[in-house]
Amino acid sequence: MTWTVHEVYDSFQVVPDDDLKPHSFFHCECHPRYVDGIFVHNAFDGREATEKPLLS
Protein backbone atom coordinates (compact mmCIF):
# COMPACT_ATOMS: atom_id res chain seq x y z
CA MET A 1 0.00 0.00 0.00
CA THR A 2 1.32 3.40 -0.91
CA TRP A 3 0.97 7.02 0.10
CA THR A 4 1.19 10.20 -1.97
CA VAL A 5 2.38 13.67 -0.98
CA HIS A 6 0.29 16.57 -2.28
CA GLU A 7 1.20 20.25 -2.14
CA VAL A 8 -2.01 22.13 -1.46
CA TYR A 9 -1.61 25.91 -1.44
CA ASP A 10 0.98 26.50 1.29
CA SER A 11 0.81 23.06 2.94
CA PHE A 12 1.88 19.48 2.28
CA GLN A 13 -0.50 16.57 2.82
CA VAL A 14 0.31 12.86 2.88
CA VAL A 15 -2.69 10.82 1.72
CA PRO A 16 -3.08 7.02 1.43
CA ASP A 17 -3.57 5.71 -2.12
CA ASP A 18 -6.49 3.41 -2.98
CA ASP A 19 -8.16 3.84 0.41
CA LEU A 20 -11.70 2.68 1.22
CA LYS A 21 -13.07 6.24 0.98
CA PRO A 22 -11.79 9.38 -0.71
CA HIS A 23 -9.92 12.00 1.32
CA SER A 24 -10.45 15.76 1.30
CA PHE A 25 -7.70 18.36 1.60
CA PHE A 26 -10.09 20.56 3.62
CA HIS A 27 -11.81 19.22 6.75
CA CYS A 28 -11.16 15.55 5.99
CA GLU A 29 -13.22 13.11 8.04
CA CYS A 30 -10.12 11.00 8.79
CA HIS A 31 -8.93 13.78 11.14
CA PRO A 32 -5.34 14.11 9.84
CA ARG A 33 -2.47 14.75 12.26
CA TYR A 34 -0.28 17.83 11.85
CA VAL A 35 3.34 16.69 12.23
CA ASP A 36 6.30 19.02 11.62
CA GLY A 37 4.31 21.21 9.23
CA ILE A 38 2.78 18.31 7.26
CA PHE A 39 -0.79 17.03 7.39
CA VAL A 40 -0.70 13.22 7.64
CA HIS A 41 -4.04 11.63 6.83
CA ASN A 42 -5.24 8.47 8.59
CA ALA A 43 -6.18 5.56 6.33
CA PHE A 44 -9.77 4.35 6.51
CA ASP A 45 -8.55 0.80 5.84
CA GLY A 46 -6.33 0.79 8.96
CA ARG A 47 -3.06 0.17 7.09
CA GLU A 48 -1.09 2.10 9.74
CA ALA A 49 -1.48 -0.88 12.11
CA THR A 50 0.69 -3.12 9.91
CA GLU A 51 3.05 -0.67 8.21
CA LYS A 52 6.48 0.19 9.58
CA PRO A 53 7.97 3.67 9.16
CA LEU A 54 10.91 4.07 6.81
CA LEU A 55 14.26 4.78 8.40
CA SER A 56 15.54 8.24 7.61
PDB file of N, CA and C in Angstrom:
ATOM      1  N   MET A   1       0.845  -1.170   0.000  1.00  0.00           N
ATOM      2  CA  MET A   1       0.000   0.000   0.000  1.00  0.00           C
ATOM      3  C   MET A   1       0.888   1.230   0.000  1.00  0.00           C
ATOM      4  N   THR A   2       0.476   2.225  -0.733  1.00  0.00           N
ATOM      5  CA  THR A   2       1.320   3.400  -0.913  1.00  0.00           C
ATOM      6  C   THR A   2       0.623   4.667  -0.442  1.00  0.00           C
ATOM      7  N   TRP A   3       1.429   5.700  -0.312  1.00  0.00           N
ATOM      8  CA  TRP A   3       0.971   7.019   0.102  1.00  0.00           C
ATOM      9  C   TRP A   3       1.482   8.030  -0.915  1.00  0.00           C
ATOM     10  N   THR A   4       0.784   9.146  -1.050  1.00  0.00           N
ATOM     11  CA  THR A   4       1.186  10.196  -1.972  1.00  0.00           C
ATOM     12  C   THR A   4       1.246  11.521  -1.224  1.00  0.00           C
ATOM     13  N   VAL A   5       2.252  12.336  -1.558  1.00  0.00           N
ATOM     14  CA  VAL A   5       2.379  13.668  -0.982  1.00  0.00           C
ATOM     15  C   VAL A   5       1.792  14.669  -1.968  1.00  0.00           C
ATOM     16  N   HIS A   6       0.910  15.529  -1.463  1.00  0.00           N
ATOM     17  CA  HIS A   6       0.287  16.571  -2.279  1.00  0.00           C
ATOM     18  C   HIS A   6       0.676  17.928  -1.702  1.00  0.00           C
ATOM     19  N   GLU A   7       1.001  18.869  -2.574  1.00  0.00           N
ATOM     20  CA  GLU A   7       1.200  20.246  -2.139  1.00  0.00           C
ATOM     21  C   GLU A   7      -0.097  20.986  -2.405  1.00  0.00           C
ATOM     22  N   VAL A   8      -0.725  21.460  -1.346  1.00  0.00           N
ATOM     23  CA  VAL A   8      -2.013  22.134  -1.459  1.00  0.00           C
ATOM     24  C   VAL A   8      -1.844  23.543  -0.897  1.00  0.00           C
ATOM     25  N   TYR A   9      -1.876  24.521  -1.787  1.00  0.00           N
ATOM     26  CA  TYR A   9      -1.607  25.911  -1.437  1.00  0.00           C
ATOM     27  C   TYR A   9      -0.282  25.993  -0.702  1.00  0.00           C
ATOM     28  N   ASP A  10      -0.283  26.349   0.573  1.00  0.00           N
ATOM     29  CA  ASP A  10       0.984  26.498   1.295  1.00  0.00           C
ATOM     30  C   ASP A  10       1.228  25.354   2.278  1.00  0.00           C
ATOM     31  N   SER A  11       0.613  24.194   2.035  1.00  0.00           N
ATOM     32  CA  SER A  11       0.809  23.057   2.938  1.00  0.00           C
ATOM     33  C   SER A  11       1.117  21.790   2.140  1.00  0.00           C
ATOM     34  N   PHE A  12       1.651  20.805   2.852  1.00  0.00           N
ATOM     35  CA  PHE A  12       1.877  19.484   2.279  1.00  0.00           C
ATOM     36  C   PHE A  12       0.977  18.503   3.003  1.00  0.00           C
ATOM     37  N   GLN A  13       0.396  17.558   2.242  1.00  0.00           N
ATOM     38  CA  GLN A  13      -0.501  16.566   2.823  1.00  0.00           C
ATOM     39  C   GLN A  13      -0.128  15.185   2.300  1.00  0.00           C
ATOM     40  N   VAL A  14      -0.002  14.245   3.227  1.00  0.00           N
ATOM     41  CA  VAL A  14       0.306  12.862   2.883  1.00  0.00           C
ATOM     42  C   VAL A  14      -0.995  12.073   2.963  1.00  0.00           C
ATOM     43  N   VAL A  15      -1.387  11.478   1.835  1.00  0.00           N
ATOM     44  CA  VAL A  15      -2.691  10.819   1.723  1.00  0.00           C
ATOM     45  C   VAL A  15      -2.492   9.375   1.263  1.00  0.00           C
ATOM     46  N   PRO A  16      -3.200   8.410   1.873  1.00  0.00           N
ATOM     47  CA  PRO A  16      -3.077   7.019   1.428  1.00  0.00           C
ATOM     48  C   PRO A  16      -3.714   6.819   0.055  1.00  0.00           C
ATOM     49  N   ASP A  17      -3.041   6.036  -0.790  1.00  0.00           N
ATOM     50  CA  ASP A  17      -3.570   5.706  -2.116  1.00  0.00           C
ATOM     51  C   ASP A  17      -4.553   4.536  -2.008  1.00  0.00           C
ATOM     52  N   ASP A  18      -5.537   4.522  -2.881  1.00  0.00           N
ATOM     53  CA  ASP A  18      -6.493   3.407  -2.984  1.00  0.00           C
ATOM     54  C   ASP A  18      -7.120   3.054  -1.637  1.00  0.00           C
ATOM     55  N   ASP A  19      -7.530   4.065  -0.891  1.00  0.00           N
ATOM     56  CA  ASP A  19      -8.160   3.840   0.410  1.00  0.00           C
ATOM     57  C   ASP A  19      -9.633   3.479   0.215  1.00  0.00           C
ATOM     58  N   LEU A  20     -10.290   3.095   1.298  1.00  0.00           N
ATOM     59  CA  LEU A  20     -11.699   2.684   1.225  1.00  0.00           C
ATOM     60  C   LEU A  20     -12.629   3.839   0.862  1.00  0.00           C
ATOM     61  N   LYS A  21     -12.270   5.050   1.277  1.00  0.00           N
ATOM     62  CA  LYS A  21     -13.071   6.238   0.979  1.00  0.00           C
ATOM     63  C   LYS A  21     -12.127   7.342   0.514  1.00  0.00           C
ATOM     64  N   PRO A  22     -12.635   8.276  -0.266  1.00  0.00           N
ATOM     65  CA  PRO A  22     -11.787   9.384  -0.708  1.00  0.00           C
ATOM     66  C   PRO A  22     -11.471  10.345   0.445  1.00  0.00           C
ATOM     67  N   HIS A  23     -10.344  11.026   0.323  1.00  0.00           N
ATOM     68  CA  HIS A  23      -9.924  12.003   1.324  1.00  0.00           C
ATOM     69  C   HIS A  23     -10.102  13.404   0.767  1.00  0.00           C
ATOM     70  N   SER A  24     -10.318  14.362   1.672  1.00  0.00           N
ATOM     71  CA  SER A  24     -10.452  15.760   1.296  1.00  0.00           C
ATOM     72  C   SER A  24      -9.255  16.529   1.849  1.00  0.00           C
ATOM     73  N   PHE A  25      -8.796  17.532   1.114  1.00  0.00           N
ATOM     74  CA  PHE A  25      -7.704  18.361   1.600  1.00  0.00           C
ATOM     75  C   PHE A  25      -8.191  19.431   2.563  1.00  0.00           C
ATOM     76  N   PHE A  26      -9.497  19.578   2.710  1.00  0.00           N
ATOM     77  CA  PHE A  26     -10.087  20.557   3.622  1.00  0.00           C
ATOM     78  C   PHE A  26     -11.112  19.853   4.498  1.00  0.00           C
ATOM     79  N   HIS A  27     -10.886  19.825   5.786  1.00  0.00           N
ATOM     80  CA  HIS A  27     -11.810  19.218   6.752  1.00  0.00           C
ATOM     81  C   HIS A  27     -12.064  17.744   6.449  1.00  0.00           C
ATOM     82  N   CYS A  28     -11.022  16.975   6.295  1.00  0.00           N
ATOM     83  CA  CYS A  28     -11.161  15.550   5.992  1.00  0.00           C
ATOM     84  C   CYS A  28     -11.721  14.807   7.203  1.00  0.00           C
ATOM     85  N   GLU A  29     -12.600  13.861   6.941  1.00  0.00           N
ATOM     86  CA  GLU A  29     -13.221  13.114   8.037  1.00  0.00           C
ATOM     87  C   GLU A  29     -12.299  12.091   8.686  1.00  0.00           C
ATOM     88  N   CYS A  30     -11.088  11.900   8.156  1.00  0.00           N
ATOM     89  CA  CYS A  30     -10.123  10.996   8.785  1.00  0.00           C
ATOM     90  C   CYS A  30      -9.370  11.683   9.927  1.00  0.00           C
ATOM     91  N   HIS A  31      -9.577  12.983  10.088  1.00  0.00           N
ATOM     92  CA  HIS A  31      -8.928  13.778  11.139  1.00  0.00           C
ATOM     93  C   HIS A  31      -7.407  13.668  11.074  1.00  0.00           C
ATOM     94  N   PRO A  32      -6.801  14.224  10.009  1.00  0.00           N
ATOM     95  CA  PRO A  32      -5.345  14.115   9.839  1.00  0.00           C
ATOM     96  C   PRO A  32      -4.574  14.750  10.990  1.00  0.00           C
ATOM     97  N   ARG A  33      -3.374  14.201  11.247  1.00  0.00           N
ATOM     98  CA  ARG A  33      -2.472  14.747  12.261  1.00  0.00           C
ATOM     99  C   ARG A  33      -1.603  15.796  11.584  1.00  0.00           C
ATOM    100  N   TYR A  34      -1.192  16.791  12.342  1.00  0.00           N
ATOM    101  CA  TYR A  34      -0.285  17.825  11.847  1.00  0.00           C
ATOM    102  C   TYR A  34       1.062  17.573  12.497  1.00  0.00           C
ATOM    103  N   VAL A  35       2.040  17.087  11.707  1.00  0.00           N
ATOM    104  CA  VAL A  35       3.344  16.687  12.228  1.00  0.00           C
ATOM    105  C   VAL A  35       4.435  17.455  11.484  1.00  0.00           C
ATOM    106  N   ASP A  36       5.179  18.271  12.202  1.00  0.00           N
ATOM    107  CA  ASP A  36       6.304  19.016  11.615  1.00  0.00           C
ATOM    108  C   ASP A  36       5.907  19.775  10.346  1.00  0.00           C
ATOM    109  N   GLY A  37       4.746  20.408  10.358  1.00  0.00           N
ATOM    110  CA  GLY A  37       4.307  21.213   9.226  1.00  0.00           C
ATOM    111  C   GLY A  37       3.658  20.443   8.095  1.00  0.00           C
ATOM    112  N   ILE A  38       3.385  19.148   8.305  1.00  0.00           N
ATOM    113  CA  ILE A  38       2.782  18.305   7.264  1.00  0.00           C
ATOM    114  C   ILE A  38       1.514  17.673   7.808  1.00  0.00           C
ATOM    115  N   PHE A  39       0.447  17.714   7.022  1.00  0.00           N
ATOM    116  CA  PHE A  39      -0.794  17.031   7.393  1.00  0.00           C
ATOM    117  C   PHE A  39      -0.682  15.569   6.966  1.00  0.00           C
ATOM    118  N   VAL A  40      -0.784  14.649   7.917  1.00  0.00           N
ATOM    119  CA  VAL A  40      -0.695  13.220   7.635  1.00  0.00           C
ATOM    120  C   VAL A  40      -2.079  12.618   7.854  1.00  0.00           C
ATOM    121  N   HIS A  41      -2.692  12.193   6.761  1.00  0.00           N
ATOM    122  CA  HIS A  41      -4.037  11.631   6.835  1.00  0.00           C
ATOM    123  C   HIS A  41      -3.996  10.216   7.413  1.00  0.00           C
ATOM    124  N   ASN A  42      -5.085   9.818   8.051  1.00  0.00           N
ATOM    125  CA  ASN A  42      -5.238   8.466   8.585  1.00  0.00           C
ATOM    126  C   ASN A  42      -5.992   7.630   7.560  1.00  0.00           C
ATOM    127  N   ALA A  43      -5.533   6.422   7.315  1.00  0.00           N
ATOM    128  CA  ALA A  43      -6.178   5.560   6.332  1.00  0.00           C
ATOM    129  C   ALA A  43      -7.467   4.968   6.899  1.00  0.00           C
ATOM    130  N   PHE A  44      -8.506   4.955   6.091  1.00  0.00           N
ATOM    131  CA  PHE A  44      -9.771   4.349   6.506  1.00  0.00           C
ATOM    132  C   PHE A  44      -9.670   2.830   6.560  1.00  0.00           C
ATOM    133  N   ASP A  45      -8.698   2.256   5.843  1.00  0.00           N
ATOM    134  CA  ASP A  45      -8.552   0.797   5.844  1.00  0.00           C
ATOM    135  C   ASP A  45      -7.645   0.289   6.963  1.00  0.00           C
ATOM    136  N   GLY A  46      -7.105   1.197   7.798  1.00  0.00           N
ATOM    137  CA  GLY A  46      -6.329   0.788   8.962  1.00  0.00           C
ATOM    138  C   GLY A  46      -4.916   0.327   8.656  1.00  0.00           C
ATOM    139  N   ARG A  47      -4.377   0.666   7.503  1.00  0.00           N
ATOM    140  CA  ARG A  47      -3.062   0.175   7.095  1.00  0.00           C
ATOM    141  C   ARG A  47      -1.935   0.609   8.039  1.00  0.00           C
ATOM    142  N   GLU A  48      -2.135   1.656   8.825  1.00  0.00           N
ATOM    143  CA  GLU A  48      -1.090   2.100   9.744  1.00  0.00           C
ATOM    144  C   GLU A  48      -0.763   1.040  10.786  1.00  0.00           C
ATOM    145  N   ALA A  49      -1.692   0.156  11.084  1.00  0.00           N
ATOM    146  CA  ALA A  49      -1.483  -0.881  12.105  1.00  0.00           C
ATOM    147  C   ALA A  49      -0.444  -1.907  11.681  1.00  0.00           C
ATOM    148  N   THR A  50      -0.250  -2.082  10.378  1.00  0.00           N
ATOM    149  CA  THR A  50       0.689  -3.119   9.914  1.00  0.00           C
ATOM    150  C   THR A  50       1.916  -2.546   9.212  1.00  0.00           C
ATOM    151  N   GLU A  51       1.912  -1.258   8.892  1.00  0.00           N
ATOM    152  CA  GLU A  51       3.053  -0.666   8.212  1.00  0.00           C
ATOM    153  C   GLU A  51       4.111  -0.237   9.214  1.00  0.00           C
ATOM    154  N   LYS A  52       5.366  -0.282   8.766  1.00  0.00           N
ATOM    155  CA  LYS A  52       6.477   0.195   9.583  1.00  0.00           C
ATOM    156  C   LYS A  52       7.047   1.444   8.953  1.00  0.00           C
ATOM    157  N   PRO A  53       7.408   2.439   9.749  1.00  0.00           N
ATOM    158  CA  PRO A  53       7.973   3.667   9.163  1.00  0.00           C
ATOM    159  C   PRO A  53       9.322   3.414   8.514  1.00  0.00           C
ATOM    160  N   LEU A  54       9.620   4.175   7.463  1.00  0.00           N
ATOM    161  CA  LEU A  54      10.911   4.074   6.805  1.00  0.00           C
ATOM    162  C   LEU A  54      11.974   4.740   7.673  1.00  0.00           C
ATOM    163  N   LEU A  55      13.157   4.178   7.674  1.00  0.00           N
ATOM    164  CA  LEU A  55      14.257   4.781   8.398  1.00  0.00           C
ATOM    165  C   LEU A  55      14.765   5.983   7.627  1.00  0.00           C
ATOM    166  N   SER A  56      15.066   7.057   8.316  1.00  0.00           N
ATOM    167  CA  SER A  56      15.543   8.243   7.613  1.00  0.00           C
ATOM    168  C   SER A  56      17.040   8.369   7.651  1.00  0.00           C
TER     169      SER A  56
END
